Protein backbone atom coordinates (compact mmCIF):
# COMPACT_ATOMS: atom_id res chain seq x y z
CA MET A 1 63.46 -7.76 -62.03
CA GLY A 2 63.14 -9.38 -58.57
CA LYS A 3 59.66 -11.09 -58.38
CA THR A 4 58.95 -12.99 -55.02
CA GLN A 5 55.84 -14.94 -54.11
CA VAL A 6 54.68 -13.90 -50.67
CA SER A 7 53.19 -16.43 -48.33
CA THR A 8 52.09 -16.12 -44.78
CA GLU A 9 50.50 -18.61 -42.34
CA ALA A 10 48.17 -15.83 -41.34
CA LEU A 11 46.22 -16.53 -44.70
CA ARG A 12 44.82 -19.78 -46.12
CA SER A 13 47.20 -21.29 -48.72
CA PRO A 14 45.92 -20.76 -52.16
CA ASN A 15 43.97 -23.69 -53.82
CA GLY A 16 44.95 -22.77 -57.35
CA VAL A 17 47.95 -21.53 -59.48
CA PHE A 18 48.32 -18.18 -57.80
CA SER A 19 49.96 -16.55 -54.93
CA GLN A 20 48.55 -14.70 -51.62
CA ALA A 21 50.80 -11.86 -52.83
CA THR A 22 53.50 -10.73 -55.18
CA THR A 23 56.26 -8.32 -54.58
CA ILE A 24 58.32 -6.86 -57.44
CA GLU A 25 61.66 -5.01 -57.11
CA ALA A 26 61.46 -3.11 -60.34
CA THR A 27 63.00 -0.57 -62.46
CA GLY A 28 61.24 -1.32 -65.89
CA ARG A 29 58.15 -1.07 -67.76
CA LEU A 30 54.54 -1.89 -66.55
CA VAL A 31 52.61 -3.76 -69.22
CA PHE A 32 48.83 -3.91 -68.83
CA VAL A 33 47.37 -6.50 -71.04
CA SER A 34 43.82 -6.09 -71.80
CA GLY A 35 41.20 -8.86 -71.47
CA MET A 36 42.10 -11.77 -73.67
CA THR A 37 39.64 -14.28 -74.81
CA ALA A 38 39.80 -17.42 -76.83
CA ARG A 39 40.06 -15.98 -80.24
CA ARG A 40 43.07 -16.89 -82.55
CA PRO A 41 44.67 -14.33 -84.70
CA ASP A 42 42.31 -15.19 -87.63
CA GLY A 43 39.30 -14.40 -85.42
CA GLU A 44 38.11 -17.96 -84.74
CA ILE A 45 36.83 -18.76 -81.32
CA VAL A 46 38.77 -21.74 -80.12
CA GLY A 47 37.14 -24.47 -77.93
CA VAL A 48 33.62 -23.47 -78.06
CA GLY A 49 31.98 -25.34 -74.97
CA ASP A 50 35.39 -26.46 -73.78
CA VAL A 51 36.91 -24.37 -70.86
CA ARG A 52 40.21 -26.25 -71.02
CA GLU A 53 40.86 -25.42 -74.61
CA GLN A 54 39.42 -21.77 -74.18
CA THR A 55 41.91 -21.32 -71.17
CA ARG A 56 44.86 -22.65 -73.33
CA GLN A 57 44.15 -20.10 -76.03
CA VAL A 58 43.66 -17.32 -73.63
CA CYS A 59 46.99 -18.05 -71.93
CA GLU A 60 48.71 -18.23 -75.46
CA ASN A 61 47.08 -14.73 -76.11
CA VAL A 62 48.36 -13.33 -72.97
CA LYS A 63 51.70 -14.76 -73.68
CA ALA A 64 51.67 -13.32 -77.02
CA ALA A 65 50.82 -9.89 -75.76
CA VAL A 66 53.51 -10.07 -73.00
CA GLU A 67 56.11 -11.22 -75.52
CA ALA A 68 55.23 -8.36 -77.92
CA ALA A 69 56.03 -5.98 -75.05
CA GLY A 70 59.44 -7.68 -74.72
CA GLY A 71 58.63 -9.87 -71.59
CA THR A 72 57.71 -13.40 -70.79
CA LEU A 73 54.99 -14.90 -68.63
CA ALA A 74 57.53 -15.03 -65.71
CA ASP A 75 57.11 -11.10 -65.82
CA VAL A 76 53.33 -11.37 -65.08
CA CYS A 77 52.63 -10.53 -61.56
CA ARG A 78 48.93 -10.15 -61.63
CA VAL A 79 45.95 -11.68 -63.58
CA ASP A 80 42.37 -11.09 -63.26
CA VAL A 81 40.27 -13.99 -64.41
CA TYR A 82 36.37 -13.80 -65.49
CA VAL A 83 34.59 -16.95 -65.94
CA ARG A 84 31.05 -17.99 -66.81
CA ASN A 85 31.09 -20.90 -64.33
CA MET A 86 33.09 -21.04 -61.16
CA GLU A 87 32.55 -24.98 -61.35
CA ASP A 88 35.49 -24.80 -63.94
CA PHE A 89 37.96 -23.46 -61.43
CA ALA A 90 40.08 -26.78 -61.27
CA LYS A 91 40.08 -27.36 -65.04
CA ILE A 92 41.32 -23.86 -65.60
CA HIS A 93 43.97 -24.09 -62.93
CA GLU A 94 45.12 -27.30 -64.63
CA ILE A 95 45.90 -25.37 -67.72
CA ARG A 96 47.14 -22.29 -65.92
CA ALA A 97 49.84 -24.55 -64.32
CA GLN A 98 51.23 -25.25 -67.77
CA TYR A 99 51.85 -21.42 -68.38
CA PHE A 100 52.58 -19.90 -64.81
CA THR A 101 55.42 -21.12 -62.66
CA GLU A 102 56.58 -19.93 -59.21
CA PRO A 103 56.92 -17.39 -58.08
CA LEU A 104 53.15 -17.28 -59.10
CA PRO A 105 51.24 -14.04 -59.93
CA ALA A 106 48.59 -12.61 -57.72
CA SER A 107 45.16 -13.56 -59.01
CA THR A 108 41.48 -12.90 -58.77
CA MET A 109 38.76 -15.01 -60.30
CA VAL A 110 35.21 -14.16 -60.52
CA GLU A 111 32.05 -15.64 -62.11
CA VAL A 112 30.31 -13.30 -64.49
CA SER A 113 26.91 -13.81 -66.07
CA LYS A 114 28.15 -12.65 -69.49
CA LEU A 115 31.21 -11.91 -71.48
CA ALA A 116 31.58 -10.03 -74.75
CA HIS A 117 30.54 -13.07 -76.98
CA PRO A 118 28.06 -15.76 -75.79
CA ASP A 119 30.76 -18.50 -76.80
CA TYR A 120 33.46 -17.25 -74.33
CA LEU A 121 33.80 -19.13 -71.16
CA ILE A 122 36.84 -17.30 -69.88
CA GLU A 123 38.68 -14.03 -70.13
CA ILE A 124 41.96 -12.97 -68.38
CA ASN A 125 43.74 -9.63 -68.15
CA ALA A 126 47.22 -9.22 -66.83
CA ILE A 127 49.94 -7.03 -65.44
CA ALA A 128 53.68 -7.52 -66.10
CA VAL A 129 56.74 -5.56 -64.90
CA ILE A 130 59.42 -5.95 -67.62
CA ALA A 131 62.98 -5.04 -66.57
């Protein structure tokens, strides 16, 4: 699969771990990963009150789902990130940089008033293309 990070001077450079756009040359499977939260397989919520630890667990969960479908995080071309506090942007991207490398996936991050559990601080869904 040929994944390319798109960049143009006509747009402001991203200030986080994402690209302005991502192109995919693909003949493969699309994998749609549902919103992942900071729950471990045993059901425990990791990092209550700690957005870095929750982001790490969420990224591990996204990784596990993509790997179960036969891919890797390098196959992820888009993520949507839902956060309880946009002030956590830098902390979240600090952790995301440990999981996503160039060419980076396209990304949208929005602040929401609530997630499915009051202890959740972040949720991420993803789209991957697996050759």
